[in-house]
Amino acid sequence: GLGRIDPDGKHLGINFYGEPGTGKTRCADALANELGKGIIDVCYSEIESKYVGETGKNIVQAFEAASRSGAVLFFDEADSILGRRMTNVTQAADHGVNVARAVMLKQLDAFDGVVIFATNLARNFDSAFVRRIPLHVEIPLPDEVARAQLLRLMIAEQVPGRDVLSWAELASCSVGLSGGDIKNAV
């Protein structure tokens, strides 16, 4: 079981969460690949519109595109769209955000496919979204063994002096670094 799957094995909702650079997007790509599906990568900045109602329409279009193609729908930086709904709405922009979130809830309920979310801020999710995305997987920072493996993979064989590096020492000096941080350092 990977989350809520219908009897035909078609519906799956999953949220990968963790620190920046831990590989949430790579996990989404790997899952889509494992399922033999393409992936539609949707960033909130691409669907957000300054015009009232347009963000909701863009959300619907993303779900329709995934339905037509059979692709996995992937929302990166999902806390932007799955955050808590505002209860003290005083501006049209606040109303627009609530409408977009209501549209997302409706689309999630109706979608017969795979939806993956990734966020650094899962604690900001509205409880209605948490219920509709039953599988939440934390992608932790790499431990010392994983950091050593990442360093071995990322430091090319051609780097002078690579053969005398102490992978354990480098890994112990990199506590708290994500895979993305290590990649940037290398």
N, C-alpha and C. Protein backbone atom coordinates (compact mmCIF):
# COMPACT_ATOMS: atom_id res chain seq x y z
N GLY A 1 0.51 -1.16 0.00
CA GLY A 1 0.00 0.00 0.00
C GLY A 1 0.59 1.33 0.00
N LEU A 2 0.61 1.93 -1.16
CA LEU A 2 1.03 3.32 -1.26
C LEU A 2 -0.19 4.24 -1.20
N GLY A 3 -0.77 4.40 -0.05
CA GLY A 3 -1.84 5.37 0.12
C GLY A 3 -3.19 4.84 -0.25
N ARG A 4 -4.09 5.77 -0.51
CA ARG A 4 -5.47 5.42 -0.83
C ARG A 4 -5.55 4.99 -2.28
N ILE A 5 -5.77 3.72 -2.50
CA ILE A 5 -5.84 3.19 -3.86
C ILE A 5 -7.23 2.60 -4.06
N ASP A 6 -7.86 2.93 -5.15
CA ASP A 6 -9.20 2.40 -5.42
C ASP A 6 -9.08 0.93 -5.81
N PRO A 7 -10.21 0.22 -5.91
CA PRO A 7 -10.16 -1.21 -6.24
C PRO A 7 -9.43 -1.52 -7.54
N ASP A 8 -9.42 -0.59 -8.48
CA ASP A 8 -8.72 -0.82 -9.74
C ASP A 8 -7.26 -0.40 -9.67
N GLY A 9 -6.83 0.09 -8.51
CA GLY A 9 -5.44 0.51 -8.33
C GLY A 9 -5.09 1.80 -9.04
N LYS A 10 -6.07 2.66 -9.27
CA LYS A 10 -5.83 3.87 -10.05
C LYS A 10 -5.63 5.13 -9.22
N HIS A 11 -6.20 5.22 -8.03
CA HIS A 11 -6.15 6.47 -7.29
C HIS A 11 -5.11 6.39 -6.18
N LEU A 12 -4.22 7.37 -6.18
CA LEU A 12 -3.17 7.43 -5.17
C LEU A 12 -2.90 8.89 -4.83
N GLY A 13 -2.88 9.21 -3.55
CA GLY A 13 -2.51 10.54 -3.09
C GLY A 13 -1.35 10.43 -2.12
N ILE A 14 -0.28 11.17 -2.39
CA ILE A 14 0.92 11.09 -1.56
C ILE A 14 1.54 12.47 -1.41
N ASN A 15 2.10 12.71 -0.23
CA ASN A 15 2.81 13.96 0.04
C ASN A 15 4.21 13.62 0.53
N PHE A 16 5.21 14.09 -0.19
CA PHE A 16 6.59 13.98 0.26
C PHE A 16 6.93 15.30 0.94
N TYR A 17 7.42 15.24 2.17
CA TYR A 17 7.78 16.46 2.86
C TYR A 17 9.15 16.32 3.53
N GLY A 18 9.80 17.43 3.70
CA GLY A 18 11.12 17.44 4.33
C GLY A 18 11.86 18.72 4.01
N GLU A 19 13.06 18.78 4.52
CA GLU A 19 13.92 19.95 4.33
C GLU A 19 14.23 20.15 2.84
N PRO A 20 14.56 21.38 2.45
CA PRO A 20 14.96 21.62 1.06
C PRO A 20 16.19 20.78 0.70
N GLY A 21 16.20 20.25 -0.52
CA GLY A 21 17.36 19.52 -1.01
C GLY A 21 17.43 18.07 -0.60
N THR A 22 16.34 17.53 -0.03
CA THR A 22 16.39 16.13 0.42
C THR A 22 15.97 15.14 -0.65
N GLY A 23 15.45 15.60 -1.77
CA GLY A 23 15.13 14.69 -2.87
C GLY A 23 13.65 14.42 -3.06
N LYS A 24 12.79 15.33 -2.61
CA LYS A 24 11.35 15.12 -2.74
C LYS A 24 10.94 15.05 -4.21
N THR A 25 11.48 15.93 -5.03
CA THR A 25 11.15 15.92 -6.45
C THR A 25 11.69 14.65 -7.11
N ARG A 26 12.87 14.22 -6.73
CA ARG A 26 13.42 12.97 -7.28
C ARG A 26 12.54 11.78 -6.89
N CYS A 27 12.00 11.81 -5.67
CA CYS A 27 11.09 10.73 -5.24
C CYS A 27 9.84 10.71 -6.11
N ALA A 28 9.30 11.89 -6.43
CA ALA A 28 8.12 11.97 -7.29
C ALA A 28 8.44 11.42 -8.67
N ASP A 29 9.59 11.81 -9.22
CA ASP A 29 10.01 11.30 -10.53
C ASP A 29 10.18 9.78 -10.50
N ALA A 30 10.80 9.28 -9.43
CA ALA A 30 11.04 7.84 -9.31
C ALA A 30 9.72 7.07 -9.21
N LEU A 31 8.76 7.62 -8.46
CA LEU A 31 7.47 6.95 -8.32
C LEU A 31 6.73 6.92 -9.66
N ALA A 32 6.73 8.05 -10.37
CA ALA A 32 6.10 8.08 -11.69
C ALA A 32 6.76 7.07 -12.62
N ASN A 33 8.08 7.00 -12.59
CA ASN A 33 8.82 6.04 -13.42
C ASN A 33 8.45 4.61 -13.04
N GLU A 34 8.38 4.35 -11.74
CA GLU A 34 8.03 3.00 -11.26
C GLU A 34 6.63 2.60 -11.73
N LEU A 35 5.72 3.59 -11.79
CA LEU A 35 4.36 3.33 -12.24
C LEU A 35 4.25 3.29 -13.77
N GLY A 36 5.35 3.62 -14.46
CA GLY A 36 5.34 3.62 -15.92
C GLY A 36 4.54 4.77 -16.50
N LYS A 37 4.51 5.89 -15.79
CA LYS A 37 3.72 7.05 -16.22
C LYS A 37 4.62 8.27 -16.41
N GLY A 38 4.15 9.17 -17.27
CA GLY A 38 4.80 10.46 -17.38
C GLY A 38 4.43 11.29 -16.16
N ILE A 39 5.02 12.47 -16.05
CA ILE A 39 4.73 13.33 -14.91
C ILE A 39 4.48 14.75 -15.39
N ILE A 40 3.43 15.35 -14.87
CA ILE A 40 3.14 16.76 -15.13
C ILE A 40 3.52 17.51 -13.87
N ASP A 41 4.56 18.32 -13.98
CA ASP A 41 5.11 19.06 -12.85
C ASP A 41 4.46 20.45 -12.80
N VAL A 42 3.69 20.70 -11.74
CA VAL A 42 2.97 21.96 -11.62
C VAL A 42 3.53 22.73 -10.42
N CYS A 43 4.05 23.90 -10.68
CA CYS A 43 4.52 24.78 -9.61
C CYS A 43 3.43 25.83 -9.38
N TYR A 44 3.17 26.14 -8.13
CA TYR A 44 2.08 27.06 -7.82
C TYR A 44 2.24 28.38 -8.56
N SER A 45 3.46 28.86 -8.72
CA SER A 45 3.65 30.14 -9.41
C SER A 45 3.16 30.08 -10.86
N GLU A 46 3.09 28.86 -11.42
CA GLU A 46 2.60 28.70 -12.79
C GLU A 46 1.08 28.73 -12.89
N ILE A 47 0.40 28.36 -11.81
CA ILE A 47 -1.06 28.31 -11.88
C ILE A 47 -1.72 29.51 -11.20
N GLU A 48 -0.96 30.21 -10.37
CA GLU A 48 -1.52 31.36 -9.67
C GLU A 48 -1.75 32.51 -10.65
N SER A 49 -2.88 33.17 -10.50
CA SER A 49 -3.21 34.30 -11.36
C SER A 49 -3.69 35.45 -10.51
N LYS A 50 -3.39 36.65 -10.97
CA LYS A 50 -3.87 37.82 -10.24
C LYS A 50 -5.34 38.08 -10.52
N TYR A 51 -5.92 37.39 -11.48
CA TYR A 51 -7.32 37.58 -11.83
C TYR A 51 -8.19 36.61 -11.04
N VAL A 52 -9.25 37.11 -10.44
CA VAL A 52 -10.14 36.30 -9.62
C VAL A 52 -10.72 35.17 -10.46
N GLY A 53 -10.60 33.95 -9.94
CA GLY A 53 -11.16 32.78 -10.61
C GLY A 53 -10.21 32.07 -11.54
N GLU A 54 -9.18 32.74 -12.00
CA GLU A 54 -8.26 32.13 -12.97
C GLU A 54 -7.40 31.03 -12.33
N THR A 55 -7.00 31.20 -11.08
CA THR A 55 -6.19 30.18 -10.43
C THR A 55 -6.97 28.86 -10.36
N GLY A 56 -8.22 28.95 -9.98
CA GLY A 56 -9.06 27.75 -9.94
C GLY A 56 -9.17 27.10 -11.29
N LYS A 57 -9.35 27.89 -12.34
CA LYS A 57 -9.42 27.34 -13.71
C LYS A 57 -8.12 26.64 -14.08
N ASN A 58 -7.00 27.23 -13.68
CA ASN A 58 -5.70 26.63 -13.98
C ASN A 58 -5.51 25.29 -13.24
N ILE A 59 -6.02 25.21 -12.03
CA ILE A 59 -5.97 23.95 -11.28
C ILE A 59 -6.77 22.89 -12.01
N VAL A 60 -7.98 23.24 -12.43
CA VAL A 60 -8.83 22.30 -13.16
C VAL A 60 -8.12 21.84 -14.44
N GLN A 61 -7.49 22.75 -15.16
CA GLN A 61 -6.79 22.39 -16.39
C GLN A 61 -5.64 21.42 -16.13
N ALA A 62 -4.94 21.59 -15.00
CA ALA A 62 -3.85 20.67 -14.67
C ALA A 62 -4.39 19.27 -14.43
N PHE A 63 -5.49 19.16 -13.69
CA PHE A 63 -6.09 17.85 -13.44
C PHE A 63 -6.62 17.24 -14.73
N GLU A 64 -7.23 18.06 -15.60
CA GLU A 64 -7.73 17.55 -16.88
C GLU A 64 -6.60 17.03 -17.76
N ALA A 65 -5.48 17.75 -17.77
CA ALA A 65 -4.33 17.32 -18.58
C ALA A 65 -3.80 15.99 -18.07
N ALA A 66 -3.74 15.84 -16.75
CA ALA A 66 -3.27 14.56 -16.18
C ALA A 66 -4.25 13.44 -16.50
N SER A 67 -5.54 13.72 -16.45
CA SER A 67 -6.55 12.70 -16.77
C SER A 67 -6.43 12.26 -18.22
N ARG A 68 -6.30 13.23 -19.12
CA ARG A 68 -6.20 12.91 -20.55
C ARG A 68 -4.96 12.08 -20.86
N SER A 69 -3.85 12.42 -20.26
CA SER A 69 -2.58 11.77 -20.61
C SER A 69 -2.27 10.55 -19.75
N GLY A 70 -2.99 10.40 -18.63
CA GLY A 70 -2.68 9.31 -17.72
C GLY A 70 -1.41 9.54 -16.92
N ALA A 71 -0.96 10.79 -16.90
CA ALA A 71 0.29 11.12 -16.20
C ALA A 71 0.05 11.33 -14.71
N VAL A 72 1.12 11.24 -13.97
CA VAL A 72 1.13 11.59 -12.56
C VAL A 72 1.11 13.12 -12.49
N LEU A 73 0.29 13.65 -11.60
CA LEU A 73 0.22 15.09 -11.40
C LEU A 73 1.05 15.43 -10.18
N PHE A 74 2.05 16.29 -10.34
CA PHE A 74 2.99 16.62 -9.27
C PHE A 74 2.94 18.11 -8.96
N PHE A 75 2.59 18.42 -7.72
CA PHE A 75 2.56 19.81 -7.25
C PHE A 75 3.75 20.04 -6.33
N ASP A 76 4.70 20.83 -6.80
CA ASP A 76 5.85 21.19 -5.97
C ASP A 76 5.50 22.44 -5.17
N GLU A 77 6.17 22.62 -4.03
CA GLU A 77 5.88 23.73 -3.12
C GLU A 77 4.38 23.75 -2.81
N ALA A 78 3.85 22.58 -2.49
CA ALA A 78 2.41 22.39 -2.33
C ALA A 78 1.79 23.18 -1.20
N ASP A 79 2.59 23.58 -0.22
CA ASP A 79 2.01 24.35 0.89
C ASP A 79 1.39 25.66 0.40
N SER A 80 1.83 26.15 -0.75
CA SER A 80 1.26 27.38 -1.31
C SER A 80 -0.22 27.22 -1.65
N ILE A 81 -0.60 26.04 -2.11
CA ILE A 81 -1.99 25.81 -2.52
C ILE A 81 -2.76 24.98 -1.49
N LEU A 82 -2.06 24.23 -0.64
CA LEU A 82 -2.74 23.36 0.32
C LEU A 82 -2.75 23.93 1.73
N GLY A 83 -2.40 25.20 1.86
CA GLY A 83 -2.37 25.82 3.19
C GLY A 83 -3.75 25.99 3.79
N ARG A 84 -3.75 26.36 5.04
CA ARG A 84 -5.02 26.55 5.75
C ARG A 84 -5.85 27.63 5.09
N ARG A 85 -7.15 27.34 5.01
CA ARG A 85 -8.07 28.32 4.44
C ARG A 85 -8.24 29.47 5.44
N MET A 86 -8.44 30.64 4.89
CA MET A 86 -8.57 31.84 5.72
C MET A 86 -10.00 31.97 6.23
N THR A 87 -10.12 32.22 7.52
CA THR A 87 -11.46 32.36 8.12
C THR A 87 -11.88 33.81 8.23
N ASN A 88 -10.94 34.72 8.28
CA ASN A 88 -11.25 36.14 8.40
C ASN A 88 -10.92 36.82 7.08
N VAL A 89 -11.78 36.59 6.10
CA VAL A 89 -11.54 37.10 4.75
C VAL A 89 -11.98 38.55 4.67
N THR A 90 -11.01 39.42 4.37
CA THR A 90 -11.31 40.85 4.30
C THR A 90 -11.00 41.45 2.95
N GLN A 91 -10.26 40.72 2.12
CA GLN A 91 -9.87 41.26 0.82
C GLN A 91 -10.23 40.26 -0.28
N ALA A 92 -10.39 40.77 -1.47
CA ALA A 92 -10.73 39.91 -2.61
C ALA A 92 -9.64 38.86 -2.84
N ALA A 93 -8.39 39.23 -2.60
CA ALA A 93 -7.28 38.27 -2.79
C ALA A 93 -7.42 37.09 -1.84
N ASP A 94 -7.82 37.36 -0.58
CA ASP A 94 -8.02 36.28 0.39
C ASP A 94 -9.15 35.36 -0.07
N HIS A 95 -10.21 35.96 -0.59
CA HIS A 95 -11.34 35.17 -1.10
C HIS A 95 -10.87 34.30 -2.27
N GLY A 96 -10.05 34.87 -3.14
CA GLY A 96 -9.54 34.13 -4.28
C GLY A 96 -8.70 32.92 -3.86
N VAL A 97 -7.90 33.08 -2.82
CA VAL A 97 -7.09 31.97 -2.30
C VAL A 97 -8.00 30.88 -1.77
N ASN A 98 -9.03 31.25 -1.02
CA ASN A 98 -9.97 30.26 -0.49
C ASN A 98 -10.70 29.53 -1.60
N VAL A 99 -11.08 30.24 -2.65
CA VAL A 99 -11.76 29.62 -3.78
C VAL A 99 -10.83 28.62 -4.46
N ALA A 100 -9.57 29.01 -4.66
CA ALA A 100 -8.60 28.10 -5.30
C ALA A 100 -8.43 26.84 -4.46
N ARG A 101 -8.39 26.99 -3.16
CA ARG A 101 -8.24 25.83 -2.29
C ARG A 101 -9.48 24.95 -2.33
N ALA A 102 -10.65 25.56 -2.44
CA ALA A 102 -11.89 24.77 -2.56
C ALA A 102 -11.90 24.01 -3.87
N VAL A 103 -11.43 24.63 -4.94
CA VAL A 103 -11.35 23.96 -6.24
C VAL A 103 -10.39 22.77 -6.14
N MET A 104 -9.25 22.97 -5.48
CA MET A 104 -8.29 21.87 -5.32
C MET A 104 -8.91 20.70 -4.56
N LEU A 105 -9.65 20.99 -3.49
CA LEU A 105 -10.32 19.93 -2.73
C LEU A 105 -11.27 19.14 -3.62
N LYS A 106 -12.06 19.85 -4.42
CA LYS A 106 -13.02 19.19 -5.30
C LYS A 106 -12.31 18.35 -6.35
N GLN A 107 -11.24 18.87 -6.92
CA GLN A 107 -10.49 18.12 -7.93
C GLN A 107 -9.86 16.86 -7.34
N LEU A 108 -9.33 16.97 -6.13
CA LEU A 108 -8.75 15.80 -5.47
C LEU A 108 -9.79 14.70 -5.27
N ASP A 109 -10.98 15.11 -4.85
CA ASP A 109 -12.05 14.14 -4.63
C ASP A 109 -12.46 13.42 -5.91
N ALA A 110 -12.44 14.14 -7.04
CA ALA A 110 -12.94 13.59 -8.30
C ALA A 110 -11.86 12.90 -9.14
N PHE A 111 -10.61 13.17 -8.85
CA PHE A 111 -9.51 12.70 -9.70
C PHE A 111 -9.29 11.20 -9.56
N ASP A 112 -9.21 10.53 -10.71
CA ASP A 112 -8.97 9.08 -10.74
C ASP A 112 -7.57 8.86 -11.30
N GLY A 113 -6.58 9.22 -10.52
CA GLY A 113 -5.20 9.10 -10.96
C GLY A 113 -4.26 9.27 -9.79
N VAL A 114 -3.02 9.56 -10.10
CA VAL A 114 -1.98 9.70 -9.09
C VAL A 114 -1.63 11.17 -8.94
N VAL A 115 -1.71 11.65 -7.70
CA VAL A 115 -1.34 13.02 -7.38
C VAL A 115 -0.25 12.97 -6.31
N ILE A 116 0.84 13.67 -6.57
CA ILE A 116 1.94 13.75 -5.62
C ILE A 116 2.17 15.22 -5.27
N PHE A 117 2.38 15.46 -4.00
CA PHE A 117 2.68 16.80 -3.52
C PHE A 117 4.05 16.77 -2.86
N ALA A 118 4.76 17.88 -2.91
CA ALA A 118 6.04 18.01 -2.21
C ALA A 118 6.05 19.36 -1.51
N THR A 119 6.55 19.35 -0.28
CA THR A 119 6.60 20.59 0.48
C THR A 119 7.69 20.55 1.53
N ASN A 120 8.15 21.72 1.88
CA ASN A 120 9.05 21.88 3.02
C ASN A 120 8.24 22.21 4.27
N LEU A 121 6.97 22.56 4.10
CA LEU A 121 6.15 23.09 5.20
C LEU A 121 4.84 22.33 5.35
N ALA A 122 4.89 21.03 5.52
CA ALA A 122 3.67 20.22 5.63
C ALA A 122 2.81 20.63 6.82
N ARG A 123 3.42 21.18 7.85
CA ARG A 123 2.65 21.58 9.03
C ARG A 123 1.65 22.70 8.71
N ASN A 124 1.82 23.35 7.57
CA ASN A 124 0.91 24.43 7.17
C ASN A 124 -0.30 23.94 6.38
N PHE A 125 -0.37 22.63 6.09
CA PHE A 125 -1.48 22.10 5.31
C PHE A 125 -2.80 22.24 6.06
N ASP A 126 -3.84 22.54 5.33
CA ASP A 126 -5.19 22.54 5.86
C ASP A 126 -5.57 21.08 6.16
N SER A 127 -6.29 20.86 7.25
CA SER A 127 -6.64 19.49 7.64
C SER A 127 -7.49 18.78 6.58
N ALA A 128 -8.27 19.53 5.81
CA ALA A 128 -9.07 18.90 4.75
C ALA A 128 -8.17 18.27 3.69
N PHE A 129 -7.03 18.88 3.42
CA PHE A 129 -6.09 18.30 2.46
C PHE A 129 -5.37 17.10 3.07
N VAL A 130 -5.03 17.20 4.33
CA VAL A 130 -4.35 16.08 5.00
C VAL A 130 -5.21 14.82 4.91
N ARG A 131 -6.53 14.98 5.09
CA ARG A 131 -7.44 13.83 5.00
C ARG A 131 -7.52 13.27 3.59
N ARG A 132 -7.38 14.10 2.59
CA ARG A 132 -7.51 13.64 1.20
C ARG A 132 -6.20 13.11 0.63
N ILE A 133 -5.13 13.34 1.32
CA ILE A 133 -3.81 12.83 0.91
C ILE A 133 -3.35 11.91 2.04
N PRO A 134 -3.81 10.68 2.01
CA PRO A 134 -3.59 9.82 3.18
C PRO A 134 -2.16 9.35 3.40
N LEU A 135 -1.31 9.44 2.40
CA LEU A 135 0.06 8.97 2.59
C LEU A 135 1.00 10.17 2.64
N HIS A 136 1.61 10.36 3.80
CA HIS A 136 2.56 11.45 4.02
C HIS A 136 3.89 10.83 4.38
N VAL A 137 4.90 11.09 3.54
CA VAL A 137 6.20 10.46 3.70
C VAL A 137 7.26 11.53 3.93
N GLU A 138 7.89 11.47 5.10
CA GLU A 138 8.97 12.41 5.39
C GLU A 138 10.23 11.94 4.68
N ILE A 139 10.87 12.86 3.98
CA ILE A 139 12.15 12.60 3.35
C ILE A 139 13.19 13.30 4.22
N PRO A 140 13.88 12.55 5.05
CA PRO A 140 14.78 13.16 6.03
C PRO A 140 16.10 13.60 5.42
N LEU A 141 16.83 14.38 6.19
CA LEU A 141 18.20 14.69 5.81
C LEU A 141 19.00 13.39 5.83
N PRO A 142 20.00 13.27 4.98
CA PRO A 142 20.77 12.02 4.94
C PRO A 142 21.58 11.82 6.22
N ASP A 143 21.65 10.56 6.66
CA ASP A 143 22.49 10.25 7.81
C ASP A 143 23.94 10.15 7.35
N GLU A 144 24.84 9.81 8.26
CA GLU A 144 26.26 9.80 7.95
C GLU A 144 26.61 8.82 6.83
N VAL A 145 26.01 7.64 6.86
CA VAL A 145 26.27 6.64 5.82
C VAL A 145 25.79 7.16 4.46
N ALA A 146 24.60 7.74 4.43
CA ALA A 146 24.06 8.27 3.18
C ALA A 146 24.90 9.45 2.66
N ARG A 147 25.36 10.31 3.58
CA ARG A 147 26.20 11.43 3.14
C ARG A 147 27.50 10.92 2.52
N ALA A 148 28.09 9.88 3.10
CA ALA A 148 29.32 9.31 2.53
C ALA A 148 29.04 8.75 1.13
N GLN A 149 27.90 8.09 0.97
CA GLN A 149 27.54 7.54 -0.34
C GLN A 149 27.31 8.65 -1.36
N LEU A 150 26.63 9.72 -0.91
CA LEU A 150 26.39 10.85 -1.81
C LEU A 150 27.71 11.48 -2.25
N LEU A 151 28.62 11.65 -1.31
CA LEU A 151 29.92 12.23 -1.66
C LEU A 151 30.68 11.35 -2.65
N ARG A 152 30.65 10.04 -2.43
CA ARG A 152 31.32 9.11 -3.37
C ARG A 152 30.73 9.23 -4.78
N LEU A 153 29.40 9.38 -4.83
CA LEU A 153 28.73 9.48 -6.13
C LEU A 153 28.99 10.81 -6.81
N MET A 154 29.07 11.87 -6.03
CA MET A 154 29.14 13.21 -6.62
C MET A 154 30.56 13.69 -6.93
N ILE A 155 31.55 13.16 -6.24
CA ILE A 155 32.93 13.56 -6.53
C ILE A 155 33.45 12.63 -7.62
N ALA A 156 33.64 13.19 -8.78
CA ALA A 156 34.00 12.40 -9.97
C ALA A 156 35.33 11.67 -9.79
N GLU A 157 35.43 10.53 -10.43
CA GLU A 157 36.65 9.71 -10.39
C GLU A 157 37.87 10.51 -10.85
N GLN A 158 37.67 11.47 -11.74
CA GLN A 158 38.77 12.22 -12.32
C GLN A 158 39.32 13.31 -11.39
N VAL A 159 38.66 13.56 -10.27
CA VAL A 159 39.11 14.62 -9.37
C VAL A 159 40.44 14.21 -8.74
N PRO A 160 41.47 15.04 -8.90
CA PRO A 160 42.78 14.71 -8.31
C PRO A 160 42.65 14.57 -6.78
N GLY A 161 43.26 13.52 -6.25
CA GLY A 161 43.24 13.29 -4.81
C GLY A 161 42.02 12.55 -4.30
N ARG A 162 41.09 12.19 -5.19
CA ARG A 162 39.88 11.50 -4.76
C ARG A 162 40.20 10.20 -4.04
N ASP A 163 41.24 9.52 -4.50
CA ASP A 163 41.59 8.22 -3.93
C ASP A 163 42.12 8.28 -2.50
N VAL A 164 42.45 9.46 -2.02
CA VAL A 164 42.94 9.58 -0.63
C VAL A 164 41.92 10.24 0.29
N LEU A 165 40.75 10.53 -0.22
CA LEU A 165 39.72 11.16 0.61
C LEU A 165 39.20 10.16 1.64
N SER A 166 38.89 10.66 2.82
CA SER A 166 38.25 9.84 3.84
C SER A 166 36.76 10.15 3.78
N TRP A 167 35.99 9.21 3.20
CA TRP A 167 34.55 9.42 3.04
C TRP A 167 33.88 9.56 4.41
N ALA A 168 34.32 8.78 5.37
CA ALA A 168 33.74 8.86 6.72
C ALA A 168 34.00 10.22 7.35
N GLU A 169 35.22 10.73 7.18
CA GLU A 169 35.55 12.04 7.76
C GLU A 169 34.75 13.16 7.08
N LEU A 170 34.66 13.09 5.75
CA LEU A 170 33.87 14.09 5.03
C LEU A 170 32.40 14.03 5.46
N ALA A 171 31.89 12.81 5.62
CA ALA A 171 30.49 12.65 6.03
C ALA A 171 30.28 13.19 7.44
N SER A 172 31.23 12.98 8.32
CA SER A 172 31.06 13.47 9.70
C SER A 172 31.16 15.00 9.76
N CYS A 173 31.83 15.60 8.80
CA CYS A 173 31.95 17.07 8.75
C CYS A 173 30.74 17.72 8.08
N SER A 174 29.84 16.91 7.55
CA SER A 174 28.72 17.47 6.78
C SER A 174 27.37 17.24 7.45
N VAL A 175 27.37 17.09 8.77
CA VAL A 175 26.12 16.89 9.51
C VAL A 175 25.18 18.05 9.23
N GLY A 176 23.92 17.73 8.97
CA GLY A 176 22.91 18.75 8.73
C GLY A 176 22.77 19.18 7.28
N LEU A 177 23.64 18.67 6.41
CA LEU A 177 23.55 19.03 5.00
C LEU A 177 22.60 18.07 4.28
N SER A 178 21.84 18.63 3.36
CA SER A 178 20.97 17.81 2.51
C SER A 178 21.77 17.33 1.32
N GLY A 179 21.19 16.43 0.54
CA GLY A 179 21.83 16.00 -0.69
C GLY A 179 22.06 17.18 -1.64
N GLY A 180 21.10 18.10 -1.69
CA GLY A 180 21.25 19.30 -2.52
C GLY A 180 22.39 20.18 -2.04
N ASP A 181 22.55 20.30 -0.72
CA ASP A 181 23.65 21.08 -0.16
C ASP A 181 24.99 20.45 -0.55
N ILE A 182 25.06 19.13 -0.43
CA ILE A 182 26.30 18.42 -0.76
C ILE A 182 26.62 18.59 -2.24
N LYS A 183 25.60 18.49 -3.08
CA LYS A 183 25.80 18.68 -4.52
C LYS A 183 26.35 20.08 -4.79
N ASN A 184 25.79 21.09 -4.15
CA ASN A 184 26.28 22.46 -4.34
C ASN A 184 27.72 22.61 -3.85
N ALA A 185 28.07 21.97 -2.73
CA ALA A 185 29.44 22.06 -2.21
C ALA A 185 30.42 21.38 -3.14
N VAL A 186 30.04 20.24 -3.68
CA VAL A 186 30.92 19.51 -4.59
C VAL A 186 31.10 20.31 -5.87
